[in-house]
Amino acid sequence: MSEPIIKTIHTRSILSKSNLPVCEYPVNPYVGCTHGCQYCYACFMKRFTGHTEDWGSFLDVKIWTEIKNPEKYAGKELFIGSVTDPYLPQEETYQRTRALLLQLKGSGAKLSIATKSDLILRDLELIQSFPDARVSWSVNTLDEAFRQDMDKAVSIERRLAAMEAFHRAGVRTTCFISPIFPGITDVKSILLRVKDQCNLIWLENLNLRGGYKAVILDYIRETRPQLLPLYREIYSRGNRSYWENLDKELKDFTARLGLDYVTNNDRIQRPFEAPPVVVNYFYHEQIKKSARKDAIDPAGL
């Protein structure tokens, strides 16, 4: 695997107000993402950045003017990592996410951070200093071989160990089970593995669109041909029965575990306490409707 193409870019501000329903300020210290996830929705960013390289093969390191008057972000929702992982391996060298946190320290800003990394452990104490900080890790398999086929991030065990460390430290944690691959992702096993080390579990189905639809279907054809009829039924014919059946199964399964199970159109009415709440986001058109109603975001807002 060749090394990513890395360059620095200068931007006037790292914080730009947004109309996203899950936060007031999406924050991305990098452009691009070297995890190179085969199913990554953020590859659409190439349309706006002018990159022609393959997604996962480049990274722009943002340099910005130091944040002035960080106190003005007190109580504001900042979502770090909406279209990149803020704790890529390159963060260890460039430390742009750490610089951001240090500039915001004491501001009273409310942070949500999404990652696939355990490098975030470096900043545990710093993140603890923010009010009601939330951190989510993406985990859609316990099978390390499948994980390696899908992304170049750290192992699942390293992610889960980081999640557990943050949970023990009193930081709100989310396990983001996404995307769920039909016939591959064992959601029940993941639920059993993480239910005691997170405050929220977020479920999202694999949504194939754009350029990576062919990539994933080719992968299924080459590695799991027995699943190809199922994938054609779901992604060519629009049959939702797989998700409807899984929804019913998980509702019963979580009830036996004593976990609350809600859909994306529901609002959680109680604080995030043990046991965790499981939120089902299986239908993306409903997510869009729910988002307009101030729905829960992947990091557990």
C-alpha atoms as a PDB file:
ATOM      1  CA  MET A   1       0.000   0.000   0.000  1.00  0.00           C
ATOM      2  CA  SER A   2       1.501   3.320  -1.085  1.00  0.00           C
ATOM      3  CA  GLU A   3       1.823   6.213   1.332  1.00  0.00           C
ATOM      4  CA  PRO A   4      -0.957   8.825   1.180  1.00  0.00           C
ATOM      5  CA  ILE A   5      -0.358  12.133  -0.557  1.00  0.00           C
ATOM      6  CA  ILE A   6      -0.205  14.705   2.237  1.00  0.00           C
ATOM      7  CA  LYS A   7      -0.168  18.473   1.946  1.00  0.00           C
ATOM      8  CA  THR A   8      -1.008  21.388   4.224  1.00  0.00           C
ATOM      9  CA  ILE A   9      -3.717  23.893   3.400  1.00  0.00           C
ATOM     10  CA  HIS A  10      -4.528  27.202   5.066  1.00  0.00           C
ATOM     11  CA  THR A  11      -8.055  28.151   6.036  1.00  0.00           C
ATOM     12  CA  ARG A  12      -9.338  31.296   7.688  1.00  0.00           C
ATOM     13  CA  SER A  13     -11.387  29.424  10.273  1.00  0.00           C
ATOM     14  CA  ILE A  14     -11.821  25.839  11.422  1.00  0.00           C
ATOM     15  CA  LEU A  15     -15.334  26.601  12.693  1.00  0.00           C
ATOM     16  CA  SER A  16     -18.106  27.299  10.205  1.00  0.00           C
ATOM     17  CA  LYS A  17     -21.735  27.387  11.195  1.00  0.00           C
ATOM     18  CA  SER A  18     -23.887  24.757   9.514  1.00  0.00           C
ATOM     19  CA  ASN A  19     -27.518  23.815   9.010  1.00  0.00           C
ATOM     20  CA  LEU A  20     -26.824  20.195   9.932  1.00  0.00           C
ATOM     21  CA  PRO A  21     -29.506  18.957  12.332  1.00  0.00           C
ATOM     22  CA  VAL A  22     -27.059  17.191  14.659  1.00  0.00           C
ATOM     23  CA  CYS A  23     -24.801  20.130  15.474  1.00  0.00           C
ATOM     24  CA  GLU A  24     -24.260  23.832  15.006  1.00  0.00           C
ATOM     25  CA  TYR A  25     -20.617  23.510  13.945  1.00  0.00           C
ATOM     26  CA  PRO A  26     -19.257  20.477  12.060  1.00  0.00           C
ATOM     27  CA  VAL A  27     -15.479  20.506  12.522  1.00  0.00           C
ATOM     28  CA  ASN A  28     -12.964  18.630  10.374  1.00  0.00           C
ATOM     29  CA  PRO A  29      -9.250  19.232  11.035  1.00  0.00           C
ATOM     30  CA  TYR A  30      -8.376  17.318   7.859  1.00  0.00           C
ATOM     31  CA  VAL A  31      -9.656  16.973   4.298  1.00  0.00           C
ATOM     32  CA  GLY A  32      -9.784  13.369   3.185  1.00  0.00           C
ATOM     33  CA  CYS A  33      -9.387  10.262   5.316  1.00  0.00           C
ATOM     34  CA  THR A  34      -6.612   7.701   5.123  1.00  0.00           C
ATOM     35  CA  HIS A  35      -8.743   4.899   6.605  1.00  0.00           C
ATOM     36  CA  GLY A  36      -9.979   4.340   3.042  1.00  0.00           C
ATOM     37  CA  CYS A  37     -13.238   2.658   4.094  1.00  0.00           C
ATOM     38  CA  GLN A  38     -14.730   0.837   1.116  1.00  0.00           C
ATOM     39  CA  TYR A  39     -18.237   2.044   1.995  1.00  0.00           C
ATOM     40  CA  CYS A  40     -17.436   5.643   2.963  1.00  0.00           C
ATOM     41  CA  TYR A  41     -20.158   8.180   2.185  1.00  0.00           C
ATOM     42  CA  ALA A  42     -17.674  11.054   2.615  1.00  0.00           C
ATOM     43  CA  CYS A  43     -16.004  10.284  -0.706  1.00  0.00           C
ATOM     44  CA  PHE A  44     -18.473  12.792  -2.184  1.00  0.00           C
ATOM     45  CA  MET A  45     -16.180  15.486  -0.742  1.00  0.00           C
ATOM     46  CA  LYS A  46     -13.905  15.093  -3.764  1.00  0.00           C
ATOM     47  CA  ARG A  47     -16.499  16.997  -5.795  1.00  0.00           C
ATOM     48  CA  PHE A  48     -15.833  20.083  -3.679  1.00  0.00           C
ATOM     49  CA  THR A  49     -12.107  19.810  -2.987  1.00  0.00           C
ATOM     50  CA  GLY A  50     -10.815  19.207  -6.494  1.00  0.00           C
ATOM     51  CA  HIS A  51      -9.038  15.963  -5.628  1.00  0.00           C
ATOM     52  CA  THR A  52      -8.772  13.412  -8.395  1.00  0.00           C
ATOM     53  CA  GLU A  53      -6.919  10.816  -6.315  1.00  0.00           C
ATOM     54  CA  ASP A  54      -8.685   7.736  -5.015  1.00  0.00           C
ATOM     55  CA  TRP A  55     -10.515   8.255  -1.737  1.00  0.00           C
ATOM     56  CA  GLY A  56      -8.209   7.203   1.085  1.00  0.00           C
ATOM     57  CA  SER A  57      -5.024   8.041  -0.829  1.00  0.00           C
ATOM     58  CA  PHE A  58      -4.754  11.739   0.083  1.00  0.00           C
ATOM     59  CA  LEU A  59      -4.930  13.955   3.146  1.00  0.00           C
ATOM     60  CA  ASP A  60      -4.952  17.735   3.450  1.00  0.00           C
ATOM     61  CA  VAL A  61      -3.805  18.998   6.841  1.00  0.00           C
ATOM     62  CA  LYS A  62      -5.660  22.168   7.800  1.00  0.00           C
ATOM     63  CA  ILE A  63      -3.792  25.124   9.242  1.00  0.00           C
ATOM     64  CA  TRP A  64      -6.049  27.830  10.631  1.00  0.00           C
ATOM     65  CA  THR A  65      -5.800  31.102  12.477  1.00  0.00           C
ATOM     66  CA  GLU A  66      -6.040  30.443  16.204  1.00  0.00           C
ATOM     67  CA  ILE A  67      -9.616  30.635  17.432  1.00  0.00           C
ATOM     68  CA  LYS A  68     -10.405  34.067  18.838  1.00  0.00           C
ATOM     69  CA  ASN A  69     -12.842  34.420  21.723  1.00  0.00           C
ATOM     70  CA  PRO A  70     -13.514  30.684  22.121  1.00  0.00           C
ATOM     71  CA  GLU A  71     -15.992  31.548  24.887  1.00  0.00           C
ATOM     72  CA  LYS A  72     -18.530  32.522  22.225  1.00  0.00           C
ATOM     73  CA  TYR A  73     -18.955  28.799  21.565  1.00  0.00           C
ATOM     74  CA  ALA A  74     -20.128  28.102  25.114  1.00  0.00           C
ATOM     75  CA  GLY A  75     -23.095  25.752  24.976  1.00  0.00           C
ATOM     76  CA  LYS A  76     -22.757  25.304  21.215  1.00  0.00           C
ATOM     77  CA  GLU A  77     -22.742  21.813  19.710  1.00  0.00           C
ATOM     78  CA  LEU A  78     -19.520  21.002  17.835  1.00  0.00           C
ATOM     79  CA  PHE A  79     -19.300  17.714  15.948  1.00  0.00           C
ATOM     80  CA  ILE A  80     -15.667  16.807  15.265  1.00  0.00           C
ATOM     81  CA  GLY A  81     -15.270  14.292  12.456  1.00  0.00           C
ATOM     82  CA  SER A  82     -18.320  14.615  10.205  1.00  0.00           C
ATOM     83  CA  VAL A  83     -16.384  13.848   6.987  1.00  0.00           C
ATOM     84  CA  THR A  84     -13.014  12.673   8.271  1.00  0.00           C
ATOM     85  CA  ASP A  85     -11.625  10.847  11.272  1.00  0.00           C
ATOM     86  CA  PRO A  86     -10.014  13.436  13.569  1.00  0.00           C
ATOM     87  CA  TYR A  87      -7.698  10.753  14.963  1.00  0.00           C
ATOM     88  CA  LEU A  88      -6.132   9.387  11.811  1.00  0.00           C
ATOM     89  CA  PRO A  89      -2.608   7.981  12.202  1.00  0.00           C
ATOM     90  CA  GLN A  90      -1.297  11.282  10.808  1.00  0.00           C
ATOM     91  CA  GLU A  91      -2.802  13.121  13.792  1.00  0.00           C
ATOM     92  CA  GLU A  92       0.060  11.738  15.875  1.00  0.00           C
ATOM     93  CA  THR A  93       2.422  13.854  13.765  1.00  0.00           C
ATOM     94  CA  TYR A  94       0.373  16.930  12.858  1.00  0.00           C
ATOM     95  CA  GLN A  95      -1.758  17.160  16.031  1.00  0.00           C
ATOM     96  CA  ARG A  96      -4.406  19.368  14.445  1.00  0.00           C
ATOM     97  CA  THR A  97      -7.228  17.840  16.481  1.00  0.00           C
ATOM     98  CA  ARG A  98      -5.258  18.333  19.672  1.00  0.00           C
ATOM     99  CA  ALA A  99      -4.563  21.942  18.687  1.00  0.00           C
ATOM    100  CA  LEU A 100      -8.285  22.468  18.196  1.00  0.00           C
ATOM    101  CA  LEU A 101      -9.117  21.016  21.604  1.00  0.00           C
ATOM    102  CA  LEU A 102      -6.475  23.131  23.316  1.00  0.00           C
ATOM    103  CA  GLN A 103      -7.788  26.285  21.644  1.00  0.00           C
ATOM    104  CA  LEU A 104     -11.332  25.456  22.795  1.00  0.00           C
ATOM    105  CA  LYS A 105     -10.406  24.314  26.307  1.00  0.00           C
ATOM    106  CA  GLY A 106     -12.413  26.176  28.927  1.00  0.00           C
ATOM    107  CA  SER A 107     -14.792  27.612  26.321  1.00  0.00           C
ATOM    108  CA  GLY A 108     -17.801  25.617  27.477  1.00  0.00           C
ATOM    109  CA  ALA A 109     -18.356  24.211  23.993  1.00  0.00           C
ATOM    110  CA  LYS A 110     -20.172  20.873  23.844  1.00  0.00           C
ATOM    111  CA  LEU A 111     -18.167  18.331  21.869  1.00  0.00           C
ATOM    112  CA  SER A 112     -19.149  15.212  20.001  1.00  0.00           C
ATOM    113  CA  ILE A 113     -16.297  13.271  18.394  1.00  0.00           C
ATOM    114  CA  ALA A 114     -16.578  10.370  15.932  1.00  0.00           C
ATOM    115  CA  THR A 115     -13.603   8.086  15.322  1.00  0.00           C
ATOM    116  CA  LYS A 116     -12.370   4.608  14.471  1.00  0.00           C
ATOM    117  CA  SER A 117      -9.139   5.125  16.395  1.00  0.00           C
ATOM    118  CA  ASP A 118      -7.625   4.597  19.814  1.00  0.00           C
ATOM    119  CA  LEU A 119      -5.227   7.523  19.360  1.00  0.00           C
ATOM    120  CA  ILE A 120      -7.979   9.535  21.022  1.00  0.00           C
ATOM    121  CA  LEU A 121      -6.792   8.053  24.335  1.00  0.00           C
ATOM    122  CA  ARG A 122      -3.973  10.584  24.152  1.00  0.00           C
ATOM    123  CA  ASP A 123      -6.523  13.357  24.686  1.00  0.00           C
ATOM    124  CA  LEU A 124      -8.746  11.651  27.268  1.00  0.00           C
ATOM    125  CA  GLU A 125      -8.079  14.149  30.058  1.00  0.00           C
ATOM    126  CA  LEU A 126      -8.450  17.077  27.674  1.00  0.00           C
ATOM    127  CA  ILE A 127     -11.785  15.799  26.368  1.00  0.00           C
ATOM    128  CA  GLN A 128     -12.961  15.214  29.938  1.00  0.00           C
ATOM    129  CA  SER A 129     -12.588  18.934  30.577  1.00  0.00           C
ATOM    130  CA  PHE A 130     -15.453  19.739  28.183  1.00  0.00           C
ATOM    131  CA  PRO A 131     -19.045  19.664  29.495  1.00  0.00           C
ATOM    132  CA  ASP A 132     -21.014  16.555  28.493  1.00  0.00           C
ATOM    133  CA  ALA A 133     -18.441  15.432  25.926  1.00  0.00           C
ATOM    134  CA  ARG A 134     -19.493  12.472  23.785  1.00  0.00           C
ATOM    135  CA  VAL A 135     -17.299  10.106  21.766  1.00  0.00           C
ATOM    136  CA  SER A 136     -18.414   7.448  19.288  1.00  0.00           C
ATOM    137  CA  TRP A 137     -16.550   4.543  17.725  1.00  0.00           C
ATOM    138  CA  SER A 138     -17.625   2.784  14.528  1.00  0.00           C
ATOM    139  CA  VAL A 139     -17.764  -0.993  14.969  1.00  0.00           C
ATOM    140  CA  ASN A 140     -19.665  -3.032  12.405  1.00  0.00           C
ATOM    141  CA  THR A 141     -17.999  -6.411  12.870  1.00  0.00           C
ATOM    142  CA  LEU A 142     -16.055  -8.483  15.373  1.00  0.00           C
ATOM    143  CA  ASP A 143     -14.414 -10.362  12.491  1.00  0.00           C
ATOM    144  CA  GLU A 144     -10.971  -8.864  12.034  1.00  0.00           C
ATOM    145  CA  ALA A 145     -10.535 -10.364   8.561  1.00  0.00           C
ATOM    146  CA  PHE A 146     -13.672  -8.623   7.302  1.00  0.00           C
ATOM    147  CA  ARG A 147     -12.612  -5.403   9.028  1.00  0.00           C
ATOM    148  CA  GLN A 148      -9.290  -5.508   7.182  1.00  0.00           C
ATOM    149  CA  ASP A 149     -11.145  -5.929   3.896  1.00  0.00           C
ATOM    150  CA  MET A 150     -13.230  -2.835   4.627  1.00  0.00           C
ATOM    151  CA  ASP A 151     -10.876  -0.276   6.233  1.00  0.00           C
ATOM    152  CA  LYS A 152      -7.308   0.515   7.256  1.00  0.00           C
ATOM    153  CA  ALA A 153      -8.184   1.813  10.721  1.00  0.00           C
ATOM    154  CA  VAL A 154      -7.051   0.151  13.948  1.00  0.00           C
ATOM    155  CA  SER A 155      -8.358  -3.243  14.993  1.00  0.00           C
ATOM    156  CA  ILE A 156     -11.788  -3.701  16.506  1.00  0.00           C
ATOM    157  CA  GLU A 157     -10.288  -4.732  19.842  1.00  0.00           C
ATOM    158  CA  ARG A 158      -8.303  -1.506  20.023  1.00  0.00           C
ATOM    159  CA  ARG A 159     -11.440   0.518  19.329  1.00  0.00           C
ATOM    160  CA  LEU A 160     -13.386  -1.340  21.992  1.00  0.00           C
ATOM    161  CA  ALA A 161     -10.580  -0.922  24.529  1.00  0.00           C
ATOM    162  CA  ALA A 162     -10.571   2.836  23.899  1.00  0.00           C
ATOM    163  CA  MET A 163     -14.360   2.959  24.263  1.00  0.00           C
ATOM    164  CA  GLU A 164     -14.158   1.122  27.563  1.00  0.00           C
ATOM    165  CA  ALA A 165     -11.448   3.475  28.872  1.00  0.00           C
ATOM    166  CA  PHE A 166     -13.537   6.552  28.076  1.00  0.00           C
ATOM    167  CA  HIS A 167     -16.630   4.950  29.575  1.00  0.00           C
ATOM    168  CA  ARG A 168     -14.780   4.167  32.799  1.00  0.00           C
ATOM    169  CA  ALA A 169     -13.553   7.759  32.860  1.00  0.00           C
ATOM    170  CA  GLY A 170     -17.136   9.029  32.833  1.00  0.00           C
ATOM    171  CA  VAL A 171     -17.222  10.304  29.230  1.00  0.00           C
ATOM    172  CA  ARG A 172     -20.421   9.502  27.357  1.00  0.00           C
ATOM    173  CA  THR A 173     -19.648   6.841  24.775  1.00  0.00           C
ATOM    174  CA  THR A 174     -21.475   5.544  21.724  1.00  0.00           C
ATOM    175  CA  CYS A 175     -20.993   2.358  19.744  1.00  0.00           C
ATOM    176  CA  PHE A 176     -21.904   3.167  16.164  1.00  0.00           C
ATOM    177  CA  ILE A 177     -22.799  -0.196  14.544  1.00  0.00           C
ATOM    178  CA  SER A 178     -22.596   0.981  10.974  1.00  0.00           C
ATOM    179  CA  PRO A 179     -22.885   0.062   8.256  1.00  0.00           C
ATOM    180  CA  ILE A 180     -24.643  -3.217   8.945  1.00  0.00           C
ATOM    181  CA  PHE A 181     -23.791  -5.569   6.073  1.00  0.00           C
ATOM    182  CA  PRO A 182     -26.678  -7.974   5.398  1.00  0.00           C
ATOM    183  CA  GLY A 183     -25.680 -11.534   6.183  1.00  0.00           C
ATOM    184  CA  ILE A 184     -22.246 -10.442   7.459  1.00  0.00           C
ATOM    185  CA  THR A 185     -22.571  -8.068  10.416  1.00  0.00           C
ATOM    186  CA  ASP A 186     -23.523 -10.000  13.558  1.00  0.00           C
ATOM    187  CA  VAL A 187     -25.361  -7.205  15.360  1.00  0.00           C
ATOM    188  CA  LYS A 188     -26.353  -9.360  18.330  1.00  0.00           C
ATOM    189  CA  SER A 189     -22.760 -10.354  19.078  1.00  0.00           C
ATOM    190  CA  ILE A 190     -21.663  -6.726  18.935  1.00  0.00           C
ATOM    191  CA  LEU A 191     -24.499  -5.694  21.261  1.00  0.00           C
ATOM    192  CA  LEU A 192     -23.444  -8.323  23.774  1.00  0.00           C
ATOM    193  CA  ARG A 193     -19.824  -7.195  23.528  1.00  0.00           C
ATOM    194  CA  VAL A 194     -20.411  -3.451  24.028  1.00  0.00           C
ATOM    195  CA  LYS A 195     -23.555  -3.112  26.156  1.00  0.00           C
ATOM    196  CA  ASP A 196     -21.598  -2.563  29.386  1.00  0.00           C
ATOM    197  CA  GLN A 197     -19.189   0.030  28.038  1.00  0.00           C
ATOM    198  CA  CYS A 198     -21.308   2.602  26.266  1.00  0.00           C
ATOM    199  CA  ASN A 199     -24.280   4.890  26.861  1.00  0.00           C
ATOM    200  CA  LEU A 200     -25.774   4.659  23.401  1.00  0.00           C
ATOM    201  CA  ILE A 201     -25.751   2.109  20.594  1.00  0.00           C
ATOM    202  CA  TRP A 202     -26.600   3.396  17.146  1.00  0.00           C
ATOM    203  CA  LEU A 203     -27.668   1.037  14.347  1.00  0.00           C
ATOM    204  CA  GLU A 204     -27.471   1.954  10.676  1.00  0.00           C
ATOM    205  CA  ASN A 205     -27.933  -0.200   7.625  1.00  0.00           C
ATOM    206  CA  LEU A 206     -25.579  -0.410   4.678  1.00  0.00           C
ATOM    207  CA  ASN A 207     -26.839   2.132   2.166  1.00  0.00           C
ATOM    208  CA  LEU A 208     -25.315   1.562  -1.255  1.00  0.00           C
ATOM    209  CA  ARG A 209     -25.193   4.570  -3.505  1.00  0.00           C
ATOM    210  CA  GLY A 210     -22.742   6.415  -5.705  1.00  0.00           C
ATOM    211  CA  GLY A 211     -19.445   4.993  -6.829  1.00  0.00           C
ATOM    212  CA  TYR A 212     -18.958   2.564  -3.977  1.00  0.00           C
ATOM    213  CA  LYS A 213     -22.120   0.556  -4.758  1.00  0.00           C
ATOM    214  CA  ALA A 214     -20.289  -1.340  -7.505  1.00  0.00           C
ATOM    215  CA  VAL A 215     -17.242  -1.784  -5.242  1.00  0.00           C
ATOM    216  CA  ILE A 216     -19.256  -3.446  -2.495  1.00  0.00           C
ATOM    217  CA  LEU A 217     -21.321  -5.597  -4.856  1.00  0.00           C
ATOM    218  CA  ASP A 218     -18.118  -6.778  -6.557  1.00  0.00           C
ATOM    219  CA  TYR A 219     -16.701  -7.632  -3.131  1.00  0.00           C
ATOM    220  CA  ILE A 220     -19.793  -9.684  -2.287  1.00  0.00           C
ATOM    221  CA  ARG A 221     -19.646 -11.422  -5.655  1.00  0.00           C
ATOM    222  CA  GLU A 222     -15.988 -12.352  -5.188  1.00  0.00           C
ATOM    223  CA  THR A 223     -15.911 -13.272  -1.489  1.00  0.00           C
ATOM    224  CA  ARG A 224     -19.473 -14.270  -0.535  1.00  0.00           C
ATOM    225  CA  PRO A 225     -21.300 -15.238  -3.719  1.00  0.00           C
ATOM    226  CA  GLN A 226     -23.990 -17.007  -1.702  1.00  0.00           C
ATOM    227  CA  LEU A 227     -25.115 -13.579  -0.458  1.00  0.00           C
ATOM    228  CA  LEU A 228     -25.341 -12.006  -3.902  1.00  0.00           C
ATOM    229  CA  PRO A 229     -29.066 -12.841  -4.392  1.00  0.00           C
ATOM    230  CA  LEU A 230     -29.841 -11.176  -1.051  1.00  0.00           C
ATOM    231  CA  TYR A 231     -27.868  -8.056  -1.984  1.00  0.00           C
ATOM    232  CA  ARG A 232     -29.570  -7.862  -5.365  1.00  0.00           C
ATOM    233  CA  GLU A 233     -32.949  -8.166  -3.677  1.00  0.00           C
ATOM    234  CA  ILE A 234     -32.141  -5.329  -1.284  1.00  0.00           C
ATOM    235  CA  TYR A 235     -30.081  -2.997  -3.448  1.00  0.00           C
ATOM    236  CA  SER A 236     -31.485  -3.591  -6.935  1.00  0.00           C
ATOM    237  CA  ARG A 237     -35.124  -4.385  -6.188  1.00  0.00           C
ATOM    238  CA  GLY A 238     -35.546  -2.230  -3.077  1.00  0.00           C
ATOM    239  CA  ASN A 239     -36.886  -5.060  -0.919  1.00  0.00           C
ATOM    240  CA  ARG A 240     -36.912  -3.964   2.740  1.00  0.00           C
ATOM    241  CA  SER A 241     -37.959  -7.253   4.286  1.00  0.00           C
ATOM    242  CA  TYR A 242     -34.428  -8.026   5.501  1.00  0.00           C
ATOM    243  CA  TRP A 243     -34.318  -4.793   7.531  1.00  0.00           C
ATOM    244  CA  GLU A 244     -37.880  -5.198   8.761  1.00  0.00           C
ATOM    245  CA  ASN A 245     -37.131  -8.715  10.012  1.00  0.00           C
ATOM    246  CA  LEU A 246     -33.858  -7.634  11.599  1.00  0.00           C
ATOM    247  CA  ASP A 247     -35.666  -4.762  13.288  1.00  0.00           C
ATOM    248  CA  LYS A 248     -38.143  -7.193  14.870  1.00  0.00           C
ATOM    249  CA  GLU A 249     -35.361  -9.578  15.921  1.00  0.00           C
ATOM    250  CA  LEU A 250     -33.336  -6.824  17.553  1.00  0.00           C
ATOM    251  CA  LYS A 251     -36.351  -5.375  19.322  1.00  0.00           C
ATOM    252  CA  ASP A 252     -36.973  -8.759  20.967  1.00  0.00           C
ATOM    253  CA  PHE A 253     -33.277  -9.383  21.599  1.00  0.00           C
ATOM    254  CA  THR A 254     -32.642  -6.033  23.282  1.00  0.00           C
ATOM    255  CA  ALA A 255     -35.769  -6.475  25.416  1.00  0.00           C
ATOM    256  CA  ARG A 256     -34.322  -9.735  26.741  1.00  0.00           C
ATOM    257  CA  LEU A 257     -31.099  -7.867  27.555  1.00  0.00           C
ATOM    258  CA  GLY A 258     -33.019  -5.141  29.359  1.00  0.00           C
ATOM    259  CA  LEU A 259     -32.047  -2.440  26.861  1.00  0.00           C
ATOM    260  CA  ASP A 260     -34.314   0.329  25.608  1.00  0.00           C
ATOM    261  CA  TYR A 261     -34.850   0.101  21.853  1.00  0.00           C
ATOM    262  CA  VAL A 262     -36.169   3.074  19.896  1.00  0.00           C
ATOM    263  CA  THR A 263     -36.433   4.080  16.258  1.00  0.00           C
ATOM    264  CA  ASN A 264     -35.040   7.190  14.645  1.00  0.00           C
ATOM    265  CA  ASN A 265     -38.454   8.873  14.842  1.00  0.00           C
ATOM    266  CA  ASP A 266     -38.526   8.546  18.626  1.00  0.00           C
ATOM    267  CA  ARG A 267     -36.957  10.921  21.113  1.00  0.00           C
ATOM    268  CA  ILE A 268     -35.152   9.575  24.153  1.00  0.00           C
ATOM    269  CA  GLN A 269     -36.875  11.005  27.169  1.00  0.00           C
ATOM    270  CA  ARG A 270     -34.422   9.937  29.878  1.00  0.00           C
ATOM    271  CA  PRO A 271     -30.733  10.657  30.526  1.00  0.00           C
ATOM    272  CA  PHE A 272     -28.089   8.435  28.996  1.00  0.00           C
ATOM    273  CA  GLU A 273     -27.486   6.000  31.818  1.00  0.00           C
ATOM    274  CA  ALA A 274     -26.741   2.300  32.059  1.00  0.00           C
ATOM    275  CA  PRO A 275     -28.049   0.222  30.414  1.00  0.00           C
ATOM    276  CA  PRO A 276     -27.507   1.910  27.049  1.00  0.00           C
ATOM    277  CA  VAL A 277     -30.241   2.984  24.669  1.00  0.00           C
ATOM    278  CA  VAL A 278     -30.275   1.266  21.266  1.00  0.00           C
ATOM    279  CA  VAL A 279     -31.390   3.517  18.398  1.00  0.00           C
ATOM    280  CA  ASN A 280     -32.424   2.034  15.058  1.00  0.00           C
ATOM    281  CA  TYR A 281     -31.741   4.106  11.907  1.00  0.00           C
ATOM    282  CA  PHE A 282     -32.508   1.554   9.193  1.00  0.00           C
ATOM    283  CA  TYR A 283     -34.324   3.737   6.686  1.00  0.00           C
ATOM    284  CA  HIS A 284     -32.411   6.713   5.381  1.00  0.00           C
ATOM    285  CA  GLU A 285     -35.420   8.601   4.092  1.00  0.00           C
ATOM    286  CA  GLN A 286     -36.772   8.485   7.645  1.00  0.00           C
ATOM    287  CA  ILE A 287     -33.460   9.724   8.979  1.00  0.00           C
ATOM    288  CA  LYS A 288     -33.834  12.837   6.847  1.00  0.00           C
ATOM    289  CA  LYS A 289     -37.343  13.434   8.198  1.00  0.00           C
ATOM    290  CA  SER A 290     -36.222  12.745  11.733  1.00  0.00           C
ATOM    291  CA  ALA A 291     -33.222  15.034  11.329  1.00  0.00           C
ATOM    292  CA  ARG A 292     -35.549  17.944  10.752  1.00  0.00           C
ATOM    293  CA  LYS A 293     -37.047  17.124  14.140  1.00  0.00           C
ATOM    294  CA  ASP A 294     -33.696  17.409  15.910  1.00  0.00           C
ATOM    295  CA  ALA A 295     -32.921  13.691  15.976  1.00  0.00           C
ATOM    296  CA  ILE A 296     -30.134  11.975  17.891  1.00  0.00           C
ATOM    297  CA  ASP A 297     -26.763  12.047  16.142  1.00  0.00           C
ATOM    298  CA  PRO A 298     -24.151   9.281  15.852  1.00  0.00           C
ATOM    299  CA  ALA A 299     -22.110  10.607  18.752  1.00  0.00           C
ATOM    300  CA  GLY A 300     -25.026  10.523  21.118  1.00  0.00           C
ATOM    301  CA  LEU A 301     -26.265  14.098  21.300  1.00  0.00           C
END
